[in-house]
Amino acid sequence: MKKVLIVDDALDSRLALRSMLKNYRLHILEANDGVEGWQTIIKERPDLVLLDLYMPQKDGFEILRDMAKEWIGVPIVVVSGDTQQSTIDSCLSSGAKAFLKKPVNVVEFNDAIKIID
């Protein structure tokens, strides 16, 4: 069974993403901040990470940089309320496979997670 890790400090965001994943046959992991998220990535090697950008201790930008630096090939979909084009471009150029704007559109979400098939 494929594993998806949701990294977001907002419980309501994690619950919403978990709800969107319920129709897929996936093992869902959660982390409530960037440090826990990074540790879970290293330990579990998920098949996909759904990553928030703005979190305490270690933000999503740091995780993207660390993933590239460590050559960890786990695909990342950024899920953020920061919809500035410069932020989107920065995430995609830093290795994110997709960028979803909060609140997440279900059709866009379903398209984005197809990368783990």
N, C-alpha and C. Protein backbone atom coordinates (compact mmCIF):
# COMPACT_ATOMS: atom_id res chain seq x y z
N MET A 1 0.84 -1.18 0.00
CA MET A 1 0.00 0.00 0.00
C MET A 1 0.88 1.24 0.00
N LYS A 2 0.57 2.19 -0.85
CA LYS A 2 1.36 3.41 -0.94
C LYS A 2 1.07 4.32 0.24
N LYS A 3 2.13 5.08 0.62
CA LYS A 3 2.03 5.97 1.78
C LYS A 3 2.03 7.42 1.33
N VAL A 4 1.14 8.21 1.93
CA VAL A 4 1.09 9.65 1.70
C VAL A 4 1.27 10.33 3.05
N LEU A 5 2.18 11.30 3.08
CA LEU A 5 2.43 12.08 4.29
C LEU A 5 1.86 13.48 4.12
N ILE A 6 1.02 13.89 5.05
CA ILE A 6 0.48 15.24 5.09
C ILE A 6 1.27 16.01 6.14
N VAL A 7 1.94 17.09 5.73
CA VAL A 7 2.72 17.92 6.65
C VAL A 7 2.08 19.30 6.69
N ASP A 8 1.40 19.59 7.80
CA ASP A 8 0.71 20.88 7.94
C ASP A 8 0.47 21.12 9.42
N ASP A 9 0.73 22.34 9.87
CA ASP A 9 0.55 22.64 11.29
C ASP A 9 -0.92 22.92 11.63
N ALA A 10 -1.78 23.06 10.64
CA ALA A 10 -3.20 23.33 10.88
C ALA A 10 -4.00 22.02 10.83
N LEU A 11 -4.58 21.67 11.95
CA LEU A 11 -5.35 20.43 12.05
C LEU A 11 -6.48 20.41 11.01
N ASP A 12 -7.18 21.52 10.83
CA ASP A 12 -8.29 21.53 9.87
C ASP A 12 -7.81 21.25 8.45
N SER A 13 -6.63 21.72 8.10
CA SER A 13 -6.07 21.44 6.77
C SER A 13 -5.73 19.96 6.63
N ARG A 14 -5.12 19.39 7.68
CA ARG A 14 -4.80 17.95 7.64
C ARG A 14 -6.07 17.11 7.52
N LEU A 15 -7.10 17.49 8.25
CA LEU A 15 -8.36 16.75 8.19
C LEU A 15 -9.00 16.86 6.80
N ALA A 16 -8.95 18.03 6.21
CA ALA A 16 -9.52 18.22 4.87
C ALA A 16 -8.78 17.36 3.84
N LEU A 17 -7.46 17.36 3.91
CA LEU A 17 -6.67 16.55 2.97
C LEU A 17 -6.91 15.07 3.20
N ARG A 18 -6.96 14.68 4.46
CA ARG A 18 -7.24 13.27 4.79
C ARG A 18 -8.59 12.86 4.20
N SER A 19 -9.58 13.73 4.32
CA SER A 19 -10.90 13.45 3.78
C SER A 19 -10.86 13.27 2.26
N MET A 20 -10.07 14.10 1.58
CA MET A 20 -9.95 13.98 0.12
C MET A 20 -9.24 12.69 -0.29
N LEU A 21 -8.41 12.16 0.59
CA LEU A 21 -7.67 10.93 0.29
C LEU A 21 -8.45 9.66 0.62
N LYS A 22 -9.59 9.80 1.29
CA LYS A 22 -10.29 8.62 1.81
C LYS A 22 -10.75 7.66 0.72
N ASN A 23 -10.95 8.14 -0.50
CA ASN A 23 -11.41 7.26 -1.58
C ASN A 23 -10.28 6.52 -2.27
N TYR A 24 -9.05 6.78 -1.84
CA TYR A 24 -7.89 6.12 -2.43
C TYR A 24 -7.39 5.06 -1.46
N ARG A 25 -6.81 4.03 -1.99
CA ARG A 25 -6.25 2.97 -1.15
C ARG A 25 -4.81 3.37 -0.79
N LEU A 26 -4.69 4.13 0.31
CA LEU A 26 -3.41 4.68 0.72
C LEU A 26 -3.26 4.59 2.24
N HIS A 27 -2.04 4.47 2.69
CA HIS A 27 -1.73 4.59 4.11
C HIS A 27 -1.39 6.06 4.33
N ILE A 28 -2.14 6.73 5.20
CA ILE A 28 -1.97 8.17 5.40
C ILE A 28 -1.22 8.43 6.70
N LEU A 29 -0.13 9.18 6.57
CA LEU A 29 0.66 9.62 7.71
C LEU A 29 0.47 11.12 7.87
N GLU A 30 0.63 11.62 9.09
CA GLU A 30 0.50 13.06 9.32
C GLU A 30 1.64 13.56 10.19
N ALA A 31 2.01 14.81 9.94
CA ALA A 31 2.99 15.51 10.77
C ALA A 31 2.45 16.92 10.99
N ASN A 32 2.56 17.41 12.24
CA ASN A 32 1.98 18.71 12.53
C ASN A 32 2.97 19.87 12.53
N ASP A 33 4.18 19.62 12.08
CA ASP A 33 5.14 20.71 11.85
C ASP A 33 6.25 20.20 10.94
N GLY A 34 7.10 21.09 10.52
CA GLY A 34 8.15 20.73 9.57
C GLY A 34 9.20 19.78 10.13
N VAL A 35 9.52 19.91 11.40
CA VAL A 35 10.52 19.02 12.00
C VAL A 35 9.99 17.59 12.02
N GLU A 36 8.76 17.43 12.50
CA GLU A 36 8.15 16.11 12.52
C GLU A 36 7.98 15.58 11.09
N GLY A 37 7.64 16.47 10.17
CA GLY A 37 7.50 16.08 8.77
C GLY A 37 8.80 15.56 8.19
N TRP A 38 9.89 16.29 8.43
CA TRP A 38 11.19 15.87 7.92
C TRP A 38 11.59 14.52 8.51
N GLN A 39 11.40 14.35 9.82
CA GLN A 39 11.74 13.08 10.46
C GLN A 39 10.92 11.93 9.87
N THR A 40 9.65 12.20 9.58
CA THR A 40 8.78 11.16 9.01
C THR A 40 9.20 10.83 7.58
N ILE A 41 9.61 11.83 6.82
CA ILE A 41 10.09 11.59 5.46
C ILE A 41 11.30 10.66 5.49
N ILE A 42 12.25 10.95 6.38
CA ILE A 42 13.47 10.14 6.49
C ILE A 42 13.13 8.71 6.93
N LYS A 43 12.27 8.58 7.93
CA LYS A 43 11.96 7.27 8.49
C LYS A 43 11.05 6.44 7.59
N GLU A 44 10.01 7.05 7.05
CA GLU A 44 8.96 6.29 6.35
C GLU A 44 9.12 6.24 4.83
N ARG A 45 9.88 7.18 4.26
CA ARG A 45 10.02 7.27 2.79
C ARG A 45 8.66 7.14 2.10
N PRO A 46 7.77 8.10 2.34
CA PRO A 46 6.44 8.01 1.74
C PRO A 46 6.52 8.11 0.21
N ASP A 47 5.43 7.72 -0.43
CA ASP A 47 5.36 7.78 -1.88
C ASP A 47 4.95 9.16 -2.37
N LEU A 48 4.42 9.98 -1.47
CA LEU A 48 4.00 11.35 -1.79
C LEU A 48 3.95 12.15 -0.51
N VAL A 49 4.35 13.43 -0.59
CA VAL A 49 4.23 14.36 0.54
C VAL A 49 3.34 15.51 0.11
N LEU A 50 2.32 15.79 0.92
CA LEU A 50 1.49 16.98 0.75
C LEU A 50 2.01 17.97 1.79
N LEU A 51 2.59 19.07 1.32
CA LEU A 51 3.40 19.94 2.17
C LEU A 51 2.89 21.37 2.25
N ASP A 52 2.61 21.81 3.46
CA ASP A 52 2.30 23.22 3.71
C ASP A 52 3.61 24.00 3.71
N LEU A 53 3.54 25.29 3.47
CA LEU A 53 4.77 26.09 3.43
C LEU A 53 5.10 26.76 4.76
N TYR A 54 4.12 27.36 5.39
CA TYR A 54 4.39 28.19 6.56
C TYR A 54 4.04 27.45 7.84
N MET A 55 5.09 26.96 8.50
CA MET A 55 4.94 26.20 9.74
C MET A 55 6.04 26.62 10.70
N PRO A 56 5.80 26.42 12.00
CA PRO A 56 6.85 26.74 12.97
C PRO A 56 8.03 25.76 12.88
N GLN A 57 9.16 26.18 13.35
CA GLN A 57 10.40 25.41 13.48
C GLN A 57 11.08 25.12 12.15
N LYS A 58 10.40 24.48 11.22
CA LYS A 58 10.98 24.15 9.92
C LYS A 58 9.86 24.32 8.91
N ASP A 59 10.03 25.25 7.97
CA ASP A 59 8.94 25.48 7.03
C ASP A 59 9.07 24.62 5.77
N GLY A 60 8.07 24.68 4.94
CA GLY A 60 8.04 23.87 3.73
C GLY A 60 9.16 24.19 2.76
N PHE A 61 9.58 25.46 2.72
CA PHE A 61 10.70 25.83 1.84
C PHE A 61 11.97 25.10 2.26
N GLU A 62 12.19 25.01 3.58
CA GLU A 62 13.36 24.29 4.09
C GLU A 62 13.29 22.81 3.74
N ILE A 63 12.11 22.23 3.85
CA ILE A 63 11.97 20.81 3.51
C ILE A 63 12.26 20.59 2.03
N LEU A 64 11.75 21.47 1.17
CA LEU A 64 12.05 21.35 -0.27
C LEU A 64 13.56 21.41 -0.51
N ARG A 65 14.25 22.35 0.15
CA ARG A 65 15.71 22.47 -0.01
C ARG A 65 16.43 21.23 0.50
N ASP A 66 16.00 20.74 1.67
CA ASP A 66 16.63 19.55 2.24
C ASP A 66 16.41 18.32 1.37
N MET A 67 15.22 18.20 0.79
CA MET A 67 14.94 17.06 -0.09
C MET A 67 15.89 17.07 -1.29
N ALA A 68 16.09 18.24 -1.87
CA ALA A 68 16.99 18.35 -3.02
C ALA A 68 18.44 18.07 -2.60
N LYS A 69 18.83 18.63 -1.46
CA LYS A 69 20.20 18.47 -0.96
C LYS A 69 20.52 17.01 -0.65
N GLU A 70 19.57 16.30 -0.10
CA GLU A 70 19.77 14.91 0.30
C GLU A 70 19.43 13.93 -0.82
N TRP A 71 19.02 14.44 -1.96
CA TRP A 71 18.66 13.60 -3.11
C TRP A 71 17.57 12.59 -2.77
N ILE A 72 16.60 13.05 -2.01
CA ILE A 72 15.47 12.19 -1.65
C ILE A 72 14.40 12.39 -2.72
N GLY A 73 14.10 11.35 -3.46
CA GLY A 73 13.23 11.45 -4.62
C GLY A 73 11.75 11.27 -4.35
N VAL A 74 11.29 11.69 -3.21
CA VAL A 74 9.87 11.59 -2.89
C VAL A 74 9.15 12.79 -3.53
N PRO A 75 8.11 12.54 -4.33
CA PRO A 75 7.40 13.67 -4.93
C PRO A 75 6.66 14.49 -3.88
N ILE A 76 6.68 15.80 -4.09
CA ILE A 76 6.04 16.73 -3.17
C ILE A 76 5.01 17.55 -3.91
N VAL A 77 3.82 17.65 -3.31
CA VAL A 77 2.79 18.57 -3.77
C VAL A 77 2.64 19.60 -2.66
N VAL A 78 2.93 20.85 -2.98
CA VAL A 78 2.78 21.93 -2.02
C VAL A 78 1.31 22.32 -1.95
N VAL A 79 0.82 22.51 -0.72
CA VAL A 79 -0.56 22.93 -0.49
C VAL A 79 -0.49 24.16 0.40
N SER A 80 -0.81 25.33 -0.17
CA SER A 80 -0.59 26.57 0.57
C SER A 80 -1.64 27.62 0.24
N GLY A 81 -1.86 28.50 1.20
CA GLY A 81 -2.72 29.66 1.00
C GLY A 81 -1.98 30.82 0.35
N ASP A 82 -0.66 30.72 0.27
CA ASP A 82 0.14 31.77 -0.38
C ASP A 82 0.07 31.53 -1.89
N THR A 83 -0.71 32.36 -2.56
CA THR A 83 -0.97 32.13 -3.98
C THR A 83 -0.20 33.09 -4.89
N GLN A 84 0.81 33.74 -4.34
CA GLN A 84 1.62 34.62 -5.18
C GLN A 84 2.36 33.80 -6.23
N GLN A 85 2.39 34.30 -7.45
CA GLN A 85 3.05 33.56 -8.52
C GLN A 85 4.51 33.30 -8.20
N SER A 86 5.17 34.25 -7.53
CA SER A 86 6.58 34.07 -7.19
C SER A 86 6.76 32.90 -6.21
N THR A 87 5.81 32.70 -5.30
CA THR A 87 5.87 31.57 -4.37
C THR A 87 5.67 30.26 -5.12
N ILE A 88 4.68 30.23 -5.99
CA ILE A 88 4.40 29.03 -6.78
C ILE A 88 5.63 28.67 -7.62
N ASP A 89 6.19 29.66 -8.31
CA ASP A 89 7.37 29.43 -9.15
C ASP A 89 8.55 28.93 -8.33
N SER A 90 8.74 29.51 -7.15
CA SER A 90 9.84 29.11 -6.27
C SER A 90 9.69 27.65 -5.85
N CYS A 91 8.48 27.26 -5.49
CA CYS A 91 8.25 25.87 -5.08
C CYS A 91 8.49 24.90 -6.23
N LEU A 92 7.98 25.23 -7.39
CA LEU A 92 8.14 24.34 -8.54
C LEU A 92 9.60 24.26 -8.97
N SER A 93 10.32 25.37 -8.90
CA SER A 93 11.74 25.32 -9.28
C SER A 93 12.59 24.64 -8.20
N SER A 94 12.04 24.52 -6.99
CA SER A 94 12.75 23.84 -5.91
C SER A 94 12.44 22.35 -5.84
N GLY A 95 11.64 21.87 -6.79
CA GLY A 95 11.42 20.43 -6.85
C GLY A 95 10.00 19.95 -6.61
N ALA A 96 9.10 20.84 -6.22
CA ALA A 96 7.71 20.41 -6.04
C ALA A 96 7.14 19.98 -7.38
N LYS A 97 6.35 18.90 -7.37
CA LYS A 97 5.75 18.38 -8.60
C LYS A 97 4.48 19.13 -8.96
N ALA A 98 3.83 19.73 -7.95
CA ALA A 98 2.60 20.49 -8.18
C ALA A 98 2.40 21.46 -7.02
N PHE A 99 1.53 22.43 -7.25
CA PHE A 99 1.19 23.42 -6.23
C PHE A 99 -0.32 23.54 -6.20
N LEU A 100 -0.91 23.29 -5.02
CA LEU A 100 -2.34 23.44 -4.84
C LEU A 100 -2.62 24.61 -3.91
N LYS A 101 -3.57 25.42 -4.31
CA LYS A 101 -3.95 26.58 -3.50
C LYS A 101 -5.03 26.19 -2.50
N LYS A 102 -4.89 26.71 -1.26
CA LYS A 102 -5.92 26.51 -0.25
C LYS A 102 -7.00 27.58 -0.45
N PRO A 103 -8.26 27.28 -0.33
CA PRO A 103 -8.81 25.95 -0.11
C PRO A 103 -8.63 25.10 -1.37
N VAL A 104 -8.38 23.83 -1.17
CA VAL A 104 -8.02 22.94 -2.26
C VAL A 104 -9.24 22.56 -3.10
N ASN A 105 -9.08 22.71 -4.40
CA ASN A 105 -10.09 22.29 -5.36
C ASN A 105 -9.97 20.78 -5.54
N VAL A 106 -11.07 20.05 -5.41
CA VAL A 106 -11.05 18.59 -5.44
C VAL A 106 -10.54 18.06 -6.79
N VAL A 107 -10.95 18.66 -7.88
CA VAL A 107 -10.51 18.20 -9.20
C VAL A 107 -9.00 18.39 -9.35
N GLU A 108 -8.48 19.55 -8.95
CA GLU A 108 -7.04 19.80 -9.02
C GLU A 108 -6.29 18.84 -8.08
N PHE A 109 -6.87 18.59 -6.92
CA PHE A 109 -6.26 17.66 -5.97
C PHE A 109 -6.13 16.27 -6.58
N ASN A 110 -7.22 15.78 -7.15
CA ASN A 110 -7.21 14.44 -7.76
C ASN A 110 -6.19 14.36 -8.89
N ASP A 111 -6.06 15.42 -9.68
CA ASP A 111 -5.05 15.44 -10.75
C ASP A 111 -3.64 15.41 -10.16
N ALA A 112 -3.42 16.16 -9.10
CA ALA A 112 -2.08 16.27 -8.51
C ALA A 112 -1.61 14.96 -7.89
N ILE A 113 -2.49 14.23 -7.26
CA ILE A 113 -2.02 13.01 -6.58
C ILE A 113 -1.86 11.83 -7.52
N LYS A 114 -2.22 12.00 -8.76
CA LYS A 114 -2.02 10.91 -9.74
C LYS A 114 -0.54 10.61 -9.95
N ILE A 115 0.34 11.48 -9.48
CA ILE A 115 1.76 11.26 -9.68
C ILE A 115 2.28 10.04 -8.92
N ILE A 116 1.48 9.50 -7.99
CA ILE A 116 1.95 8.31 -7.27
C ILE A 116 1.47 7.02 -7.91
N ASP A 117 0.71 7.10 -8.97
CA ASP A 117 0.25 5.87 -9.65
C ASP A 117 1.36 5.15 -10.33
